[in-house]
Amino acid sequence: MGRDRQIYNIEHFNLLMKLRYQFVNSKSRIEILLIKTCNFNIIFRKALRDCEEESN
């Protein structure tokens, strides 16, 4: 896994987080988008869960 890949994943994650805050009620749709577009969906979904736990 190269550095470019890592940067892409961080940017992709940041974009998804922005989407998540824009569309609070469509979290499941964003998780589906994650699964379709990202090889690291498990990592990102865990990160989303961790963020949710922190915000509660």
N, C-alpha and C. Protein backbone atom coordinates (compact mmCIF):
# COMPACT_ATOMS: atom_id res chain seq x y z
N MET A 1 0.86 -1.19 0.00
CA MET A 1 0.00 0.00 0.00
C MET A 1 0.89 1.24 0.00
N GLY A 2 0.82 2.01 -1.09
CA GLY A 2 1.67 3.18 -1.23
C GLY A 2 1.11 4.41 -0.56
N ARG A 3 1.93 5.43 -0.55
CA ARG A 3 1.54 6.69 0.09
C ARG A 3 0.34 7.33 -0.61
N ASP A 4 0.33 7.28 -1.95
CA ASP A 4 -0.79 7.86 -2.70
C ASP A 4 -2.11 7.23 -2.29
N ARG A 5 -2.06 5.92 -2.13
CA ARG A 5 -3.26 5.18 -1.73
C ARG A 5 -3.74 5.66 -0.36
N GLN A 6 -2.79 5.87 0.52
CA GLN A 6 -3.12 6.30 1.88
C GLN A 6 -3.76 7.69 1.85
N ILE A 7 -3.18 8.60 1.07
CA ILE A 7 -3.72 9.96 0.95
C ILE A 7 -5.14 9.91 0.39
N TYR A 8 -5.31 9.08 -0.67
CA TYR A 8 -6.65 8.94 -1.26
C TYR A 8 -7.65 8.49 -0.20
N ASN A 9 -7.25 7.51 0.59
CA ASN A 9 -8.18 6.98 1.59
C ASN A 9 -8.54 8.01 2.64
N ILE A 10 -7.56 8.81 3.06
CA ILE A 10 -7.84 9.86 4.05
C ILE A 10 -8.78 10.91 3.46
N GLU A 11 -8.52 11.32 2.21
CA GLU A 11 -9.39 12.31 1.57
C GLU A 11 -10.79 11.75 1.38
N HIS A 12 -10.87 10.49 1.00
CA HIS A 12 -12.16 9.84 0.79
C HIS A 12 -12.93 9.77 2.11
N PHE A 13 -12.22 9.43 3.17
CA PHE A 13 -12.84 9.37 4.49
C PHE A 13 -13.34 10.75 4.90
N ASN A 14 -12.54 11.79 4.67
CA ASN A 14 -12.95 13.16 5.02
C ASN A 14 -14.20 13.56 4.25
N LEU A 15 -14.23 13.20 2.96
CA LEU A 15 -15.41 13.49 2.14
C LEU A 15 -16.64 12.79 2.70
N LEU A 16 -16.47 11.53 3.06
CA LEU A 16 -17.60 10.78 3.62
C LEU A 16 -18.07 11.39 4.93
N MET A 17 -17.14 11.86 5.74
CA MET A 17 -17.53 12.49 7.00
C MET A 17 -18.33 13.76 6.73
N LYS A 18 -17.90 14.54 5.72
CA LYS A 18 -18.67 15.75 5.36
C LYS A 18 -20.07 15.37 4.91
N LEU A 19 -20.16 14.34 4.07
CA LEU A 19 -21.47 13.88 3.61
C LEU A 19 -22.33 13.45 4.79
N ARG A 20 -21.70 12.76 5.71
CA ARG A 20 -22.44 12.25 6.86
C ARG A 20 -23.03 13.39 7.67
N TYR A 21 -22.28 14.49 7.81
CA TYR A 21 -22.80 15.61 8.58
C TYR A 21 -23.83 16.41 7.79
N GLN A 22 -23.72 16.39 6.46
CA GLN A 22 -24.72 17.09 5.65
C GLN A 22 -26.04 16.33 5.64
N PHE A 23 -25.94 15.01 5.61
CA PHE A 23 -27.14 14.19 5.50
C PHE A 23 -27.20 13.25 6.70
N VAL A 24 -27.53 13.82 7.84
CA VAL A 24 -27.46 13.07 9.09
C VAL A 24 -28.35 11.83 9.05
N ASN A 25 -29.50 11.95 8.39
CA ASN A 25 -30.47 10.85 8.41
C ASN A 25 -30.22 9.78 7.35
N SER A 26 -29.19 9.96 6.54
CA SER A 26 -28.94 8.98 5.47
C SER A 26 -27.62 8.26 5.68
N LYS A 27 -27.30 7.98 6.94
CA LYS A 27 -26.04 7.32 7.28
C LYS A 27 -25.92 5.97 6.58
N SER A 28 -27.02 5.22 6.54
CA SER A 28 -26.95 3.89 5.93
C SER A 28 -26.62 3.99 4.45
N ARG A 29 -27.14 5.02 3.78
CA ARG A 29 -26.83 5.22 2.36
C ARG A 29 -25.34 5.49 2.18
N ILE A 30 -24.77 6.25 3.10
CA ILE A 30 -23.34 6.55 3.02
C ILE A 30 -22.52 5.30 3.30
N GLU A 31 -22.98 4.45 4.20
CA GLU A 31 -22.27 3.19 4.45
C GLU A 31 -22.31 2.31 3.21
N ILE A 32 -23.43 2.31 2.47
CA ILE A 32 -23.52 1.55 1.22
C ILE A 32 -22.52 2.12 0.21
N LEU A 33 -22.46 3.45 0.11
CA LEU A 33 -21.48 4.11 -0.75
C LEU A 33 -20.06 3.68 -0.39
N LEU A 34 -19.78 3.61 0.91
CA LEU A 34 -18.47 3.16 1.37
C LEU A 34 -18.15 1.77 0.85
N ILE A 35 -19.10 0.86 1.00
CA ILE A 35 -18.87 -0.53 0.60
C ILE A 35 -18.61 -0.60 -0.91
N LYS A 36 -19.34 0.19 -1.68
CA LYS A 36 -19.21 0.13 -3.13
C LYS A 36 -17.92 0.75 -3.62
N THR A 37 -17.44 1.79 -2.95
CA THR A 37 -16.35 2.58 -3.53
C THR A 37 -15.00 2.38 -2.87
N CYS A 38 -14.94 1.68 -1.76
CA CYS A 38 -13.68 1.67 -1.01
C CYS A 38 -13.30 0.27 -0.58
N ASN A 39 -12.06 -0.11 -0.88
CA ASN A 39 -11.57 -1.43 -0.49
C ASN A 39 -11.42 -1.57 1.01
N PHE A 40 -11.35 -0.43 1.71
CA PHE A 40 -11.09 -0.46 3.14
C PHE A 40 -12.36 -0.15 3.92
N ASN A 41 -13.49 -0.64 3.40
CA ASN A 41 -14.78 -0.28 4.01
C ASN A 41 -14.87 -0.69 5.47
N ILE A 42 -14.24 -1.80 5.84
CA ILE A 42 -14.33 -2.25 7.24
C ILE A 42 -13.64 -1.24 8.16
N ILE A 43 -12.46 -0.77 7.73
CA ILE A 43 -11.72 0.21 8.52
C ILE A 43 -12.53 1.50 8.65
N PHE A 44 -13.09 1.97 7.53
CA PHE A 44 -13.84 3.22 7.56
C PHE A 44 -15.10 3.08 8.40
N ARG A 45 -15.77 1.95 8.28
CA ARG A 45 -16.99 1.78 9.06
C ARG A 45 -16.67 1.74 10.55
N LYS A 46 -15.55 1.13 10.90
CA LYS A 46 -15.11 1.13 12.30
C LYS A 46 -14.81 2.56 12.74
N ALA A 47 -14.14 3.32 11.88
CA ALA A 47 -13.82 4.71 12.21
C ALA A 47 -15.10 5.52 12.40
N LEU A 48 -16.10 5.29 11.54
CA LEU A 48 -17.37 5.99 11.69
C LEU A 48 -18.02 5.64 13.03
N ARG A 49 -17.98 4.36 13.38
CA ARG A 49 -18.54 3.93 14.67
C ARG A 49 -17.81 4.59 15.83
N ASP A 50 -16.48 4.64 15.73
CA ASP A 50 -15.68 5.27 16.79
C ASP A 50 -16.05 6.74 16.93
N CYS A 51 -16.23 7.42 15.80
CA CYS A 51 -16.61 8.84 15.82
C CYS A 51 -17.98 9.01 16.46
N GLU A 52 -18.88 8.11 16.15
CA GLU A 52 -20.22 8.17 16.74
C GLU A 52 -20.15 8.02 18.25
N GLU A 53 -19.34 7.07 18.71
CA GLU A 53 -19.23 6.84 20.15
C GLU A 53 -18.65 8.07 20.85
N GLU A 54 -17.69 8.73 20.20
CA GLU A 54 -17.10 9.94 20.79
C GLU A 54 -18.12 11.06 20.88
N SER A 55 -18.99 11.17 19.86
CA SER A 55 -19.93 12.29 19.82
C SER A 55 -21.12 12.07 20.75
N ASN A 56 -21.33 10.84 21.20
CA ASN A 56 -22.47 10.57 22.10
C ASN A 56 -22.14 10.90 23.55
